[in-house]
Amino acid sequence: MATQILTLVGVLVGALTSYFATSMAERAKFRREMATRWDERKLDTYIEYVTCIKEIQRAAMAAGRARDQGEDSADALSEMEASENRRSIFFETFVLLSHEKAATAAHAVNQRTWELLTVARVPSSGLAELRPIPLVEVLNLLHEAARSDLTISSSVPAR
């Protein structure tokens, strides 16, 4: 009788151990899947946001170039405004998904972008007025913060 009880206790302990081990493994797998899912979403949002910034900058420069050459800048300005509208939408997603450091860097990018937009909208401004508004430095800070948020190393591993 005692051996049967010991066997039953052993089976019960084994079953409970197996259940808890499987539960912990499944929870860990779920957490990894969720983290990966959100990291993919973050990366897509970061790329879309930065793409809009680049499009705004290109369109603003094209408008300045057109004005310098005495041409109509309406198409470039229209493209610039469309990219700004998309940037505004992506920024909201960016802030919701990103780490505080990346969101702060994106706010700085927005400031510089608005300065660029303000100058580009002035009918008399050309490239000379647009060039002193550097987006590169703030974009570099944003890239660094985004890499950190996504836990992407900024250095290439040696082979």
N, C-alpha and C. Protein backbone atom coordinates (compact mmCIF):
# COMPACT_ATOMS: atom_id res chain seq x y z
N MET A 1 0.82 -1.19 0.00
CA MET A 1 0.00 0.00 0.00
C MET A 1 0.87 1.26 0.00
N ALA A 2 1.94 1.26 0.78
CA ALA A 2 2.82 2.42 0.86
C ALA A 2 3.49 2.68 -0.47
N THR A 3 3.87 1.62 -1.17
CA THR A 3 4.51 1.82 -2.47
C THR A 3 3.54 2.39 -3.49
N GLN A 4 2.29 2.01 -3.37
CA GLN A 4 1.28 2.57 -4.28
C GLN A 4 1.07 4.06 -4.02
N ILE A 5 1.07 4.43 -2.77
CA ILE A 5 0.92 5.85 -2.42
C ILE A 5 2.13 6.64 -2.90
N LEU A 6 3.33 6.08 -2.69
CA LEU A 6 4.54 6.74 -3.17
C LEU A 6 4.53 6.86 -4.69
N THR A 7 4.09 5.85 -5.38
CA THR A 7 4.00 5.89 -6.84
C THR A 7 3.00 6.96 -7.28
N LEU A 8 1.87 6.99 -6.61
CA LEU A 8 0.84 7.99 -6.93
C LEU A 8 1.35 9.40 -6.67
N VAL A 9 2.05 9.60 -5.56
CA VAL A 9 2.64 10.91 -5.24
C VAL A 9 3.68 11.28 -6.29
N GLY A 10 4.48 10.31 -6.69
CA GLY A 10 5.50 10.55 -7.72
C GLY A 10 4.88 10.96 -9.04
N VAL A 11 3.82 10.29 -9.44
CA VAL A 11 3.11 10.62 -10.68
C VAL A 11 2.51 12.02 -10.56
N LEU A 12 1.92 12.32 -9.42
CA LEU A 12 1.31 13.62 -9.20
C LEU A 12 2.36 14.74 -9.25
N VAL A 13 3.50 14.53 -8.59
CA VAL A 13 4.58 15.52 -8.60
C VAL A 13 5.11 15.69 -10.03
N GLY A 14 5.26 14.59 -10.75
CA GLY A 14 5.73 14.65 -12.13
C GLY A 14 4.77 15.41 -13.02
N ALA A 15 3.48 15.15 -12.84
CA ALA A 15 2.46 15.83 -13.65
C ALA A 15 2.45 17.34 -13.35
N LEU A 16 2.51 17.68 -12.07
CA LEU A 16 2.53 19.10 -11.70
C LEU A 16 3.79 19.80 -12.22
N THR A 17 4.92 19.14 -12.11
CA THR A 17 6.17 19.70 -12.60
C THR A 17 6.09 19.91 -14.11
N SER A 18 5.58 18.92 -14.80
CA SER A 18 5.43 19.02 -16.26
C SER A 18 4.48 20.17 -16.63
N TYR A 19 3.37 20.27 -15.90
CA TYR A 19 2.40 21.34 -16.17
C TYR A 19 3.02 22.71 -15.96
N PHE A 20 3.70 22.92 -14.83
CA PHE A 20 4.30 24.23 -14.55
C PHE A 20 5.43 24.56 -15.54
N ALA A 21 6.22 23.58 -15.89
CA ALA A 21 7.30 23.81 -16.86
C ALA A 21 6.73 24.20 -18.22
N THR A 22 5.71 23.49 -18.66
CA THR A 22 5.06 23.80 -19.94
C THR A 22 4.41 25.18 -19.90
N SER A 23 3.74 25.49 -18.80
CA SER A 23 3.09 26.81 -18.66
C SER A 23 4.11 27.93 -18.73
N MET A 24 5.23 27.78 -18.03
CA MET A 24 6.26 28.81 -18.04
C MET A 24 6.87 28.96 -19.43
N ALA A 25 7.10 27.85 -20.10
CA ALA A 25 7.67 27.89 -21.46
C ALA A 25 6.69 28.58 -22.42
N GLU A 26 5.42 28.28 -22.31
CA GLU A 26 4.41 28.90 -23.18
C GLU A 26 4.29 30.40 -22.92
N ARG A 27 4.33 30.80 -21.64
CA ARG A 27 4.29 32.23 -21.32
C ARG A 27 5.50 32.96 -21.87
N ALA A 28 6.67 32.36 -21.73
CA ALA A 28 7.89 32.97 -22.26
C ALA A 28 7.82 33.08 -23.78
N LYS A 29 7.32 32.05 -24.43
CA LYS A 29 7.16 32.06 -25.90
C LYS A 29 6.19 33.17 -26.31
N PHE A 30 5.08 33.30 -25.59
CA PHE A 30 4.09 34.33 -25.89
C PHE A 30 4.70 35.72 -25.74
N ARG A 31 5.46 35.94 -24.66
CA ARG A 31 6.10 37.24 -24.45
C ARG A 31 7.07 37.57 -25.58
N ARG A 32 7.86 36.58 -26.00
CA ARG A 32 8.80 36.79 -27.11
C ARG A 32 8.07 37.13 -28.40
N GLU A 33 6.98 36.40 -28.66
CA GLU A 33 6.19 36.68 -29.87
C GLU A 33 5.59 38.07 -29.84
N MET A 34 5.10 38.49 -28.69
CA MET A 34 4.52 39.83 -28.57
C MET A 34 5.60 40.90 -28.74
N ALA A 35 6.75 40.69 -28.13
CA ALA A 35 7.85 41.65 -28.27
C ALA A 35 8.28 41.76 -29.72
N THR A 36 8.38 40.63 -30.41
CA THR A 36 8.75 40.64 -31.82
C THR A 36 7.69 41.35 -32.64
N ARG A 37 6.44 41.08 -32.35
CA ARG A 37 5.34 41.72 -33.08
C ARG A 37 5.40 43.24 -32.92
N TRP A 38 5.61 43.72 -31.71
CA TRP A 38 5.67 45.16 -31.49
C TRP A 38 6.95 45.76 -32.06
N ASP A 39 8.05 45.02 -32.02
CA ASP A 39 9.29 45.53 -32.62
C ASP A 39 9.14 45.69 -34.13
N GLU A 40 8.47 44.73 -34.77
CA GLU A 40 8.23 44.85 -36.21
C GLU A 40 7.37 46.07 -36.51
N ARG A 41 6.35 46.26 -35.71
CA ARG A 41 5.46 47.41 -35.90
C ARG A 41 6.23 48.73 -35.67
N LYS A 42 7.07 48.77 -34.64
CA LYS A 42 7.89 49.95 -34.36
C LYS A 42 8.80 50.24 -35.54
N LEU A 43 9.49 49.22 -36.02
CA LEU A 43 10.42 49.42 -37.13
C LEU A 43 9.69 49.98 -38.35
N ASP A 44 8.54 49.41 -38.68
CA ASP A 44 7.76 49.92 -39.82
C ASP A 44 7.37 51.39 -39.61
N THR A 45 6.94 51.71 -38.40
CA THR A 45 6.54 53.08 -38.09
C THR A 45 7.73 54.03 -38.18
N TYR A 46 8.88 53.62 -37.63
CA TYR A 46 10.08 54.45 -37.69
C TYR A 46 10.47 54.73 -39.13
N ILE A 47 10.45 53.68 -39.95
CA ILE A 47 10.82 53.83 -41.37
C ILE A 47 9.84 54.76 -42.08
N GLU A 48 8.56 54.58 -41.86
CA GLU A 48 7.56 55.42 -42.52
C GLU A 48 7.69 56.88 -42.09
N TYR A 49 7.93 57.10 -40.82
CA TYR A 49 8.08 58.46 -40.30
C TYR A 49 9.30 59.15 -40.92
N VAL A 50 10.45 58.48 -40.90
CA VAL A 50 11.67 59.07 -41.44
C VAL A 50 11.54 59.27 -42.95
N THR A 51 10.86 58.35 -43.62
CA THR A 51 10.63 58.51 -45.06
C THR A 51 9.85 59.79 -45.34
N CYS A 52 8.83 60.07 -44.55
CA CYS A 52 8.06 61.31 -44.72
C CYS A 52 8.94 62.53 -44.51
N ILE A 53 9.81 62.49 -43.50
CA ILE A 53 10.71 63.61 -43.24
C ILE A 53 11.59 63.84 -44.45
N LYS A 54 12.15 62.78 -45.01
CA LYS A 54 13.02 62.89 -46.18
C LYS A 54 12.24 63.45 -47.38
N GLU A 55 11.01 63.00 -47.55
CA GLU A 55 10.18 63.50 -48.66
C GLU A 55 9.88 64.99 -48.49
N ILE A 56 9.60 65.41 -47.27
CA ILE A 56 9.37 66.82 -46.99
C ILE A 56 10.61 67.63 -47.34
N GLN A 57 11.75 67.15 -46.90
CA GLN A 57 13.01 67.87 -47.16
C GLN A 57 13.28 67.95 -48.66
N ARG A 58 13.13 66.85 -49.38
CA ARG A 58 13.36 66.85 -50.83
C ARG A 58 12.41 67.81 -51.54
N ALA A 59 11.14 67.77 -51.16
CA ALA A 59 10.14 68.64 -51.80
C ALA A 59 10.41 70.11 -51.48
N ALA A 60 10.80 70.41 -50.26
CA ALA A 60 11.12 71.80 -49.89
C ALA A 60 12.31 72.29 -50.70
N MET A 61 13.32 71.46 -50.85
CA MET A 61 14.50 71.84 -51.64
C MET A 61 14.13 72.02 -53.11
N ALA A 62 13.26 71.14 -53.61
CA ALA A 62 12.81 71.27 -55.00
C ALA A 62 12.04 72.57 -55.20
N ALA A 63 11.23 72.96 -54.21
CA ALA A 63 10.50 74.24 -54.29
C ALA A 63 11.49 75.41 -54.29
N GLY A 64 12.49 75.35 -53.43
CA GLY A 64 13.52 76.40 -53.39
C GLY A 64 14.29 76.49 -54.69
N ARG A 65 14.64 75.33 -55.25
CA ARG A 65 15.35 75.31 -56.54
C ARG A 65 14.50 75.91 -57.65
N ALA A 66 13.20 75.53 -57.66
CA ALA A 66 12.28 76.06 -58.68
C ALA A 66 12.18 77.58 -58.58
N ARG A 67 12.10 78.09 -57.37
CA ARG A 67 12.01 79.54 -57.18
C ARG A 67 13.29 80.22 -57.64
N ASP A 68 14.44 79.62 -57.33
CA ASP A 68 15.72 80.19 -57.75
C ASP A 68 15.82 80.26 -59.27
N GLN A 69 15.19 79.31 -59.96
CA GLN A 69 15.25 79.26 -61.42
C GLN A 69 14.06 79.97 -62.06
N GLY A 70 13.23 80.61 -61.23
CA GLY A 70 12.09 81.36 -61.75
C GLY A 70 10.95 80.48 -62.23
N GLU A 71 10.90 79.26 -61.75
CA GLU A 71 9.84 78.32 -62.16
C GLU A 71 8.77 78.24 -61.08
N ASP A 72 7.67 77.59 -61.43
CA ASP A 72 6.56 77.42 -60.50
C ASP A 72 6.91 76.33 -59.48
N SER A 73 6.72 76.61 -58.21
CA SER A 73 7.05 75.65 -57.15
C SER A 73 5.81 74.96 -56.58
N ALA A 74 4.65 75.15 -57.22
CA ALA A 74 3.39 74.63 -56.68
C ALA A 74 3.39 73.11 -56.54
N ASP A 75 3.92 72.39 -57.53
CA ASP A 75 3.93 70.92 -57.45
C ASP A 75 4.77 70.44 -56.28
N ALA A 76 5.95 71.03 -56.14
CA ALA A 76 6.83 70.64 -55.04
C ALA A 76 6.19 70.96 -53.69
N LEU A 77 5.56 72.12 -53.59
CA LEU A 77 4.91 72.50 -52.34
C LEU A 77 3.73 71.58 -52.03
N SER A 78 2.99 71.18 -53.06
CA SER A 78 1.87 70.26 -52.88
C SER A 78 2.38 68.90 -52.39
N GLU A 79 3.47 68.42 -52.97
CA GLU A 79 4.08 67.17 -52.52
C GLU A 79 4.57 67.30 -51.08
N MET A 80 5.15 68.44 -50.76
CA MET A 80 5.64 68.69 -49.41
C MET A 80 4.49 68.64 -48.40
N GLU A 81 3.38 69.27 -48.73
CA GLU A 81 2.23 69.29 -47.82
C GLU A 81 1.63 67.89 -47.65
N ALA A 82 1.58 67.11 -48.73
CA ALA A 82 1.05 65.74 -48.63
C ALA A 82 1.95 64.90 -47.71
N SER A 83 3.26 65.06 -47.86
CA SER A 83 4.19 64.32 -46.99
C SER A 83 4.06 64.78 -45.55
N GLU A 84 3.84 66.06 -45.34
CA GLU A 84 3.66 66.59 -43.98
C GLU A 84 2.41 66.00 -43.34
N ASN A 85 1.34 65.87 -44.11
CA ASN A 85 0.11 65.27 -43.57
C ASN A 85 0.35 63.82 -43.15
N ARG A 86 1.07 63.05 -43.97
CA ARG A 86 1.39 61.67 -43.62
C ARG A 86 2.33 61.62 -42.42
N ARG A 87 3.31 62.52 -42.35
CA ARG A 87 4.24 62.57 -41.22
C ARG A 87 3.48 62.77 -39.92
N SER A 88 2.51 63.65 -39.95
CA SER A 88 1.72 63.95 -38.76
C SER A 88 1.00 62.70 -38.24
N ILE A 89 0.48 61.91 -39.14
CA ILE A 89 -0.22 60.68 -38.75
C ILE A 89 0.77 59.66 -38.21
N PHE A 90 1.89 59.47 -38.92
CA PHE A 90 2.90 58.50 -38.47
C PHE A 90 3.51 58.91 -37.13
N PHE A 91 3.60 60.20 -36.89
CA PHE A 91 4.19 60.66 -35.64
C PHE A 91 3.37 60.19 -34.44
N GLU A 92 2.06 60.21 -34.57
CA GLU A 92 1.20 59.76 -33.47
C GLU A 92 1.47 58.29 -33.14
N THR A 93 1.58 57.47 -34.17
CA THR A 93 1.90 56.06 -33.96
C THR A 93 3.29 55.91 -33.38
N PHE A 94 4.22 56.71 -33.89
CA PHE A 94 5.60 56.70 -33.42
C PHE A 94 5.65 56.93 -31.92
N VAL A 95 4.97 57.95 -31.45
CA VAL A 95 4.99 58.29 -30.03
C VAL A 95 4.33 57.19 -29.19
N LEU A 96 3.28 56.60 -29.70
CA LEU A 96 2.60 55.54 -28.96
C LEU A 96 3.46 54.29 -28.80
N LEU A 97 4.27 53.99 -29.81
CA LEU A 97 5.04 52.74 -29.80
C LEU A 97 6.47 52.89 -29.29
N SER A 98 7.01 54.09 -29.35
CA SER A 98 8.45 54.24 -29.10
C SER A 98 8.78 54.46 -27.63
N HIS A 99 10.05 54.28 -27.36
CA HIS A 99 10.62 54.57 -26.05
C HIS A 99 10.70 56.09 -25.91
N GLU A 100 10.77 56.57 -24.68
CA GLU A 100 10.78 58.02 -24.42
C GLU A 100 11.92 58.74 -25.14
N LYS A 101 13.09 58.14 -25.19
CA LYS A 101 14.24 58.77 -25.85
C LYS A 101 13.98 58.95 -27.35
N ALA A 102 13.39 57.94 -27.97
CA ALA A 102 13.07 58.04 -29.41
C ALA A 102 11.97 59.07 -29.65
N ALA A 103 10.99 59.13 -28.77
CA ALA A 103 9.92 60.12 -28.91
C ALA A 103 10.46 61.54 -28.76
N THR A 104 11.37 61.73 -27.82
CA THR A 104 11.99 63.05 -27.63
C THR A 104 12.78 63.45 -28.87
N ALA A 105 13.52 62.49 -29.44
CA ALA A 105 14.28 62.77 -30.66
C ALA A 105 13.33 63.10 -31.81
N ALA A 106 12.20 62.43 -31.89
CA ALA A 106 11.22 62.71 -32.94
C ALA A 106 10.62 64.10 -32.77
N HIS A 107 10.43 64.54 -31.54
CA HIS A 107 9.94 65.91 -31.30
C HIS A 107 10.95 66.93 -31.85
N ALA A 108 12.24 66.67 -31.65
CA ALA A 108 13.28 67.57 -32.18
C ALA A 108 13.25 67.57 -33.71
N VAL A 109 13.05 66.40 -34.31
CA VAL A 109 12.94 66.31 -35.77
C VAL A 109 11.73 67.11 -36.24
N ASN A 110 10.63 66.99 -35.52
CA ASN A 110 9.43 67.77 -35.88
C ASN A 110 9.72 69.27 -35.86
N GLN A 111 10.40 69.73 -34.82
CA GLN A 111 10.74 71.17 -34.72
C GLN A 111 11.49 71.64 -35.96
N ARG A 112 12.54 70.91 -36.33
CA ARG A 112 13.34 71.28 -37.50
C ARG A 112 12.51 71.19 -38.78
N THR A 113 11.66 70.18 -38.85
CA THR A 113 10.82 70.02 -40.04
C THR A 113 9.85 71.19 -40.16
N TRP A 114 9.27 71.61 -39.05
CA TRP A 114 8.36 72.75 -39.09
C TRP A 114 9.08 74.03 -39.50
N GLU A 115 10.32 74.19 -39.04
CA GLU A 115 11.11 75.34 -39.47
C GLU A 115 11.31 75.30 -40.99
N LEU A 116 11.63 74.13 -41.50
CA LEU A 116 11.81 73.95 -42.94
C LEU A 116 10.51 74.24 -43.69
N LEU A 117 9.41 73.73 -43.19
CA LEU A 117 8.11 73.96 -43.82
C LEU A 117 7.76 75.44 -43.84
N THR A 118 8.00 76.12 -42.72
CA THR A 118 7.68 77.55 -42.61
C THR A 118 8.46 78.34 -43.65
N VAL A 119 9.74 78.08 -43.76
CA VAL A 119 10.57 78.81 -44.73
C VAL A 119 10.18 78.43 -46.15
N ALA A 120 9.92 77.15 -46.40
CA ALA A 120 9.57 76.70 -47.76
C ALA A 120 8.25 77.29 -48.24
N ARG A 121 7.35 77.59 -47.33
CA ARG A 121 6.05 78.15 -47.71
C ARG A 121 6.12 79.63 -48.08
N VAL A 122 7.19 80.31 -47.70
CA VAL A 122 7.35 81.74 -48.03
C VAL A 122 7.65 81.86 -49.52
N PRO A 123 6.84 82.60 -50.26
CA PRO A 123 7.00 82.66 -51.71
C PRO A 123 8.37 83.16 -52.19
N SER A 124 9.06 83.91 -51.38
CA SER A 124 10.34 84.47 -51.83
C SER A 124 11.54 83.62 -51.45
N SER A 125 11.34 82.55 -50.71
CA SER A 125 12.50 81.77 -50.25
C SER A 125 12.98 80.80 -51.32
N GLY A 126 14.30 80.68 -51.38
CA GLY A 126 14.93 79.75 -52.31
C GLY A 126 15.84 78.82 -51.53
N LEU A 127 16.76 78.18 -52.22
CA LEU A 127 17.67 77.24 -51.56
C LEU A 127 18.53 77.90 -50.49
N ALA A 128 18.92 79.14 -50.71
CA ALA A 128 19.79 79.83 -49.74
C ALA A 128 19.12 79.92 -48.37
N GLU A 129 17.83 80.11 -48.34
CA GLU A 129 17.11 80.21 -47.06
C GLU A 129 16.83 78.83 -46.44
N LEU A 130 16.73 77.80 -47.30
CA LEU A 130 16.38 76.47 -46.82
C LEU A 130 17.58 75.68 -46.30
N ARG A 131 18.73 75.88 -46.88
CA ARG A 131 19.92 75.09 -46.52
C ARG A 131 20.34 75.25 -45.05
N PRO A 132 20.20 76.43 -44.43
CA PRO A 132 20.66 76.54 -43.04
C PRO A 132 19.78 75.80 -42.01
N ILE A 133 18.75 75.12 -42.45
CA ILE A 133 17.88 74.39 -41.51
C ILE A 133 18.28 72.92 -41.59
N PRO A 134 19.25 72.51 -40.78
CA PRO A 134 19.78 71.15 -40.89
C PRO A 134 18.89 70.11 -40.19
N LEU A 135 18.47 69.15 -40.95
CA LEU A 135 17.72 68.03 -40.38
C LEU A 135 18.64 66.86 -40.05
N VAL A 136 19.81 66.84 -40.64
CA VAL A 136 20.69 65.68 -40.51
C VAL A 136 21.05 65.38 -39.06
N GLU A 137 21.42 66.41 -38.28
CA GLU A 137 21.83 66.15 -36.89
C GLU A 137 20.70 65.55 -36.07
N VAL A 138 19.51 66.11 -36.19
CA VAL A 138 18.40 65.58 -35.39
C VAL A 138 17.96 64.22 -35.90
N LEU A 139 18.07 63.98 -37.20
CA LEU A 139 17.75 62.65 -37.73
C LEU A 139 18.75 61.61 -37.23
N ASN A 140 20.02 61.99 -37.13
CA ASN A 140 21.02 61.07 -36.60
C ASN A 140 20.71 60.70 -35.15
N LEU A 141 20.28 61.68 -34.36
CA LEU A 141 19.88 61.39 -32.97
C LEU A 141 18.66 60.47 -32.93
N LEU A 142 17.74 60.70 -33.85
CA LEU A 142 16.55 59.85 -33.93
C LEU A 142 16.94 58.43 -34.31
N HIS A 143 17.82 58.28 -35.28
CA HIS A 143 18.27 56.95 -35.69
C HIS A 143 18.92 56.22 -34.51
N GLU A 144 19.75 56.92 -33.78
CA GLU A 144 20.43 56.32 -32.62
C GLU A 144 19.42 55.87 -31.57
N ALA A 145 18.44 56.73 -31.29
CA ALA A 145 17.41 56.39 -30.29
C ALA A 145 16.55 55.22 -30.77
N ALA A 146 16.23 55.20 -32.05
CA ALA A 146 15.42 54.11 -32.59
C ALA A 146 16.18 52.79 -32.54
N ARG A 147 17.47 52.82 -32.89
CA ARG A 147 18.29 51.60 -32.79
C ARG A 147 18.33 51.10 -31.35
N SER A 148 18.47 52.01 -30.42
CA SER A 148 18.50 51.64 -29.00
C SER A 148 17.16 51.03 -28.59
N ASP A 149 16.08 51.65 -29.01
CA ASP A 149 14.75 51.17 -28.67
C ASP A 149 14.50 49.77 -29.24
N LEU A 150 15.01 49.52 -30.42
CA LEU A 150 14.84 48.23 -31.07
C LEU A 150 15.95 47.24 -30.71
N THR A 151 16.83 47.68 -29.82
CA THR A 151 18.01 46.90 -29.40
C THR A 151 18.82 46.42 -30.59
N ILE A 152 19.07 47.34 -31.52
CA ILE A 152 19.91 47.08 -32.67
C ILE A 152 21.26 47.70 -32.38
N SER A 153 22.30 46.93 -32.51
CA SER A 153 23.64 47.44 -32.27
C SER A 153 24.02 48.40 -33.40
N SER A 154 24.69 49.50 -33.03
CA SER A 154 25.09 50.48 -34.04
C SER A 154 26.42 50.12 -34.68
N SER A 155 27.08 49.10 -34.17
CA SER A 155 28.35 48.69 -34.77
C SER A 155 28.15 47.36 -35.50
N VAL A 156 28.92 47.20 -36.57
CA VAL A 156 28.84 45.97 -37.36
C VAL A 156 29.78 44.95 -36.72
N PRO A 157 29.30 43.74 -36.45
CA PRO A 157 30.16 42.73 -35.82
C PRO A 157 31.32 42.34 -36.74
N ALA A 158 32.47 42.09 -36.14
CA ALA A 158 33.64 41.69 -36.92
C ALA A 158 33.49 40.23 -37.34
N ARG A 159 34.04 39.94 -38.51
CA ARG A 159 33.97 38.55 -39.01
C ARG A 159 35.31 37.91 -38.97
